């Protein structure tokens, strides 16, 4: 069974439901964001900050995060860590 990981500012995702964590800076990343917003599949978890990471969920939703993809991926490997430190990246 998976666990919840913090993707920034108290927002959590279930690890079993995540397909990919990608950067929003590339052209494909920007297209993903636009398509998800147009289709109502985007979840903004940035708390008003700049989007630095995209979490692609298995149900097709796209979660926008203010944390870098490397930070989010690192939290997948940290057992028992809720990831509350270093949220202001």
Foldseek 3Di string as FASTA:
>chain_A
DFDWADLADPDTDTPVFWDDKDFCPDPVNVVLVVVCVVVVQEAEPDVPDDFGMWTQTNVGHIYTGPDHSVLRVVRRVDPPDRSPPPRPD
